[in-house]
Amino acid sequence: MKSNSVIIYTGCYGLNDDILANIFLSKGAYAYLSFKGGVTWSFGDKVLEVIAKRLANGEDIVKIYKSLDKTLLKDPNSDATLGIRYRK
């Protein structure tokens, strides 16, 4: 895995613990984003669209995450919350 890889898992429970994040980070990924809790597909897709566009413009994923509007950090229908783990 390339050291600048970004893993975006918009499915449910990807950050209920750090197991998946730690696996990807230990294999060289730069960052892992996912949700704690059961996220709805429509909300996950909305978040992914915003993040993908900004990544395509060359923005750093950590800066993107830290600057996301609060409405993109928590699914209003399920209360799932978006989180990030990254190598510092």
N, C-alpha and C. Protein backbone atom coordinates (compact mmCIF):
# COMPACT_ATOMS: atom_id res chain seq x y z
N MET A 1 0.84 -1.17 0.00
CA MET A 1 0.00 0.00 0.00
C MET A 1 0.89 1.24 0.00
N LYS A 2 0.51 2.22 -0.79
CA LYS A 2 1.27 3.46 -0.84
C LYS A 2 1.08 4.25 0.45
N SER A 3 2.12 4.95 0.85
CA SER A 3 2.10 5.66 2.13
C SER A 3 1.15 6.85 2.15
N ASN A 4 0.66 7.27 1.01
CA ASN A 4 -0.29 8.39 0.99
C ASN A 4 -1.72 7.92 0.75
N SER A 5 -1.96 6.60 0.88
CA SER A 5 -3.30 6.05 0.66
C SER A 5 -4.29 6.56 1.70
N VAL A 6 -5.49 6.83 1.22
CA VAL A 6 -6.58 7.26 2.09
C VAL A 6 -7.70 6.24 1.95
N ILE A 7 -8.12 5.66 3.06
CA ILE A 7 -9.20 4.69 3.06
C ILE A 7 -10.45 5.40 3.57
N ILE A 8 -11.51 5.39 2.75
CA ILE A 8 -12.78 5.98 3.16
C ILE A 8 -13.81 4.87 3.13
N TYR A 9 -14.24 4.46 4.30
CA TYR A 9 -15.23 3.39 4.44
C TYR A 9 -16.52 4.02 4.93
N THR A 10 -17.48 4.16 4.03
CA THR A 10 -18.72 4.85 4.39
C THR A 10 -19.81 3.88 4.82
N GLY A 11 -19.44 2.65 5.13
CA GLY A 11 -20.40 1.69 5.66
C GLY A 11 -20.56 1.84 7.16
N CYS A 12 -21.43 1.02 7.70
CA CYS A 12 -21.74 1.07 9.12
C CYS A 12 -20.61 0.48 9.98
N TYR A 13 -20.43 1.06 11.14
CA TYR A 13 -19.60 0.52 12.22
C TYR A 13 -18.10 0.45 11.92
N GLY A 14 -17.63 1.19 10.94
CA GLY A 14 -16.21 1.15 10.58
C GLY A 14 -15.28 1.73 11.63
N LEU A 15 -15.85 2.51 12.55
CA LEU A 15 -15.04 3.06 13.64
C LEU A 15 -15.66 2.80 15.01
N ASN A 16 -16.42 1.72 15.11
CA ASN A 16 -16.91 1.35 16.45
C ASN A 16 -15.75 0.92 17.33
N ASP A 17 -14.70 0.48 16.68
CA ASP A 17 -13.42 0.24 17.34
C ASP A 17 -12.34 0.61 16.32
N ASP A 18 -11.09 0.49 16.69
CA ASP A 18 -10.00 0.90 15.80
C ASP A 18 -9.35 -0.26 15.04
N ILE A 19 -9.97 -1.42 15.04
CA ILE A 19 -9.35 -2.59 14.42
C ILE A 19 -9.05 -2.36 12.94
N LEU A 20 -10.07 -2.01 12.15
CA LEU A 20 -9.83 -1.79 10.72
C LEU A 20 -8.87 -0.63 10.48
N ALA A 21 -9.05 0.45 11.20
CA ALA A 21 -8.16 1.59 11.04
C ALA A 21 -6.72 1.19 11.31
N ASN A 22 -6.49 0.47 12.38
CA ASN A 22 -5.12 0.05 12.72
C ASN A 22 -4.52 -0.88 11.69
N ILE A 23 -5.34 -1.74 11.11
CA ILE A 23 -4.84 -2.65 10.07
C ILE A 23 -4.34 -1.82 8.87
N PHE A 24 -5.18 -0.92 8.38
CA PHE A 24 -4.79 -0.11 7.22
C PHE A 24 -3.59 0.79 7.54
N LEU A 25 -3.59 1.42 8.70
CA LEU A 25 -2.48 2.29 9.05
C LEU A 25 -1.19 1.50 9.22
N SER A 26 -1.27 0.30 9.76
CA SER A 26 -0.06 -0.52 9.93
C SER A 26 0.49 -1.02 8.60
N LYS A 27 -0.37 -1.05 7.59
CA LYS A 27 0.07 -1.46 6.25
C LYS A 27 0.55 -0.27 5.41
N GLY A 28 0.54 0.92 6.01
CA GLY A 28 1.10 2.08 5.32
C GLY A 28 0.13 3.15 4.90
N ALA A 29 -1.16 2.96 5.12
CA ALA A 29 -2.12 3.99 4.74
C ALA A 29 -1.86 5.26 5.55
N TYR A 30 -2.15 6.39 4.95
CA TYR A 30 -2.00 7.67 5.63
C TYR A 30 -3.19 7.94 6.55
N ALA A 31 -4.40 7.62 6.06
CA ALA A 31 -5.59 7.94 6.84
C ALA A 31 -6.72 6.96 6.58
N TYR A 32 -7.59 6.84 7.56
CA TYR A 32 -8.77 5.98 7.50
C TYR A 32 -9.95 6.77 8.06
N LEU A 33 -11.00 6.92 7.25
CA LEU A 33 -12.22 7.60 7.67
C LEU A 33 -13.37 6.61 7.64
N SER A 34 -14.22 6.69 8.65
CA SER A 34 -15.41 5.85 8.67
C SER A 34 -16.37 6.38 9.71
N PHE A 35 -17.44 5.63 9.93
CA PHE A 35 -18.48 6.03 10.87
C PHE A 35 -18.51 5.14 12.09
N LYS A 36 -18.81 5.74 13.21
CA LYS A 36 -19.14 5.01 14.42
C LYS A 36 -20.65 4.93 14.47
N GLY A 37 -21.17 3.72 14.40
CA GLY A 37 -22.62 3.53 14.38
C GLY A 37 -23.11 3.18 13.00
N GLY A 38 -24.41 2.99 12.92
CA GLY A 38 -25.04 2.60 11.65
C GLY A 38 -25.43 3.82 10.84
N VAL A 39 -24.69 4.09 9.80
CA VAL A 39 -24.93 5.26 8.95
C VAL A 39 -25.91 4.88 7.83
N THR A 40 -26.75 5.83 7.43
CA THR A 40 -27.64 5.59 6.30
C THR A 40 -26.86 5.73 4.99
N TRP A 41 -27.27 4.98 3.98
CA TRP A 41 -26.56 5.03 2.69
C TRP A 41 -26.57 6.43 2.11
N SER A 42 -27.71 7.11 2.19
CA SER A 42 -27.79 8.44 1.58
C SER A 42 -26.84 9.43 2.26
N PHE A 43 -26.69 9.34 3.57
CA PHE A 43 -25.77 10.25 4.26
C PHE A 43 -24.32 9.88 3.95
N GLY A 44 -24.00 8.60 3.97
CA GLY A 44 -22.64 8.17 3.63
C GLY A 44 -22.24 8.63 2.23
N ASP A 45 -23.17 8.50 1.29
CA ASP A 45 -22.90 8.95 -0.09
C ASP A 45 -22.69 10.46 -0.16
N LYS A 46 -23.46 11.20 0.61
CA LYS A 46 -23.33 12.67 0.63
C LYS A 46 -21.95 13.09 1.14
N VAL A 47 -21.53 12.46 2.22
CA VAL A 47 -20.21 12.76 2.79
C VAL A 47 -19.10 12.38 1.81
N LEU A 48 -19.22 11.19 1.22
CA LEU A 48 -18.21 10.72 0.28
C LEU A 48 -18.08 11.67 -0.92
N GLU A 49 -19.19 12.16 -1.41
CA GLU A 49 -19.15 13.07 -2.55
C GLU A 49 -18.36 14.34 -2.23
N VAL A 50 -18.61 14.91 -1.07
CA VAL A 50 -17.91 16.14 -0.65
C VAL A 50 -16.41 15.87 -0.50
N ILE A 51 -16.08 14.79 0.20
CA ILE A 51 -14.67 14.48 0.46
C ILE A 51 -13.94 14.15 -0.84
N ALA A 52 -14.55 13.36 -1.70
CA ALA A 52 -13.89 12.96 -2.96
C ALA A 52 -13.59 14.17 -3.84
N LYS A 53 -14.50 15.10 -3.91
CA LYS A 53 -14.27 16.31 -4.72
C LYS A 53 -13.09 17.10 -4.18
N ARG A 54 -13.01 17.22 -2.87
CA ARG A 54 -11.92 18.00 -2.28
C ARG A 54 -10.59 17.27 -2.42
N LEU A 55 -10.60 15.95 -2.29
CA LEU A 55 -9.37 15.17 -2.51
C LEU A 55 -8.89 15.33 -3.95
N ALA A 56 -9.83 15.29 -4.88
CA ALA A 56 -9.49 15.44 -6.30
C ALA A 56 -8.86 16.80 -6.59
N ASN A 57 -9.17 17.79 -5.76
CA ASN A 57 -8.58 19.12 -5.91
C ASN A 57 -7.25 19.25 -5.19
N GLY A 58 -6.77 18.15 -4.61
CA GLY A 58 -5.45 18.15 -4.01
C GLY A 58 -5.39 18.50 -2.53
N GLU A 59 -6.53 18.60 -1.87
CA GLU A 59 -6.54 18.94 -0.45
C GLU A 59 -6.12 17.73 0.39
N ASP A 60 -5.53 17.99 1.53
CA ASP A 60 -5.12 16.94 2.47
C ASP A 60 -6.35 16.43 3.22
N ILE A 61 -6.45 15.12 3.39
CA ILE A 61 -7.63 14.51 4.01
C ILE A 61 -7.82 14.96 5.46
N VAL A 62 -6.76 15.13 6.19
CA VAL A 62 -6.90 15.57 7.59
C VAL A 62 -7.46 16.99 7.63
N LYS A 63 -6.97 17.85 6.77
CA LYS A 63 -7.49 19.22 6.72
C LYS A 63 -8.95 19.23 6.25
N ILE A 64 -9.27 18.35 5.31
CA ILE A 64 -10.66 18.25 4.86
C ILE A 64 -11.55 17.86 6.03
N TYR A 65 -11.18 16.81 6.73
CA TYR A 65 -11.99 16.33 7.85
C TYR A 65 -12.18 17.42 8.91
N LYS A 66 -11.09 18.08 9.26
CA LYS A 66 -11.16 19.10 10.31
C LYS A 66 -11.98 20.32 9.90
N SER A 67 -12.17 20.51 8.61
CA SER A 67 -12.91 21.68 8.14
C SER A 67 -14.33 21.35 7.68
N LEU A 68 -14.75 20.10 7.80
CA LEU A 68 -16.09 19.73 7.35
C LEU A 68 -17.15 20.44 8.18
N ASP A 69 -18.20 20.83 7.50
CA ASP A 69 -19.36 21.41 8.18
C ASP A 69 -19.91 20.39 9.18
N LYS A 70 -20.36 20.86 10.31
CA LYS A 70 -20.87 19.96 11.36
C LYS A 70 -22.01 19.08 10.87
N THR A 71 -22.74 19.54 9.86
CA THR A 71 -23.85 18.73 9.34
C THR A 71 -23.35 17.48 8.61
N LEU A 72 -22.05 17.43 8.29
CA LEU A 72 -21.49 16.25 7.62
C LEU A 72 -20.78 15.32 8.59
N LEU A 73 -20.77 15.64 9.85
CA LEU A 73 -20.08 14.82 10.84
C LEU A 73 -21.01 13.85 11.58
N LYS A 74 -22.32 14.09 11.49
CA LYS A 74 -23.26 13.24 12.21
C LYS A 74 -24.51 13.02 11.36
N ASP A 75 -24.83 11.75 11.12
CA ASP A 75 -26.01 11.39 10.35
C ASP A 75 -27.26 11.77 11.16
N PRO A 76 -28.10 12.67 10.62
CA PRO A 76 -29.27 13.11 11.38
C PRO A 76 -30.33 12.01 11.58
N ASN A 77 -30.27 10.98 10.76
CA ASN A 77 -31.26 9.90 10.85
C ASN A 77 -30.84 8.77 11.78
N SER A 78 -29.54 8.60 11.97
CA SER A 78 -29.07 7.45 12.76
C SER A 78 -28.13 7.84 13.90
N ASP A 79 -27.67 9.09 13.91
CA ASP A 79 -26.69 9.59 14.88
C ASP A 79 -25.30 8.98 14.72
N ALA A 80 -25.04 8.27 13.62
CA ALA A 80 -23.69 7.78 13.36
C ALA A 80 -22.76 8.97 13.17
N THR A 81 -21.55 8.88 13.70
CA THR A 81 -20.61 10.00 13.61
C THR A 81 -19.39 9.63 12.78
N LEU A 82 -18.97 10.56 11.94
CA LEU A 82 -17.79 10.38 11.11
C LEU A 82 -16.54 10.63 11.93
N GLY A 83 -15.54 9.77 11.75
CA GLY A 83 -14.29 9.95 12.46
C GLY A 83 -13.11 9.66 11.55
N ILE A 84 -11.92 10.01 12.00
CA ILE A 84 -10.71 9.80 11.23
C ILE A 84 -9.60 9.29 12.15
N ARG A 85 -8.79 8.42 11.60
CA ARG A 85 -7.55 7.99 12.25
C ARG A 85 -6.47 8.20 11.20
N TYR A 86 -5.32 8.72 11.59
CA TYR A 86 -4.27 8.98 10.62
C TYR A 86 -2.91 8.92 11.27
N ARG A 87 -1.90 8.73 10.42
CA ARG A 87 -0.52 8.75 10.90
C ARG A 87 -0.09 10.19 11.07
N LYS A 88 0.52 10.49 12.18
CA LYS A 88 0.93 11.86 12.44
C LYS A 88 2.37 12.09 12.07
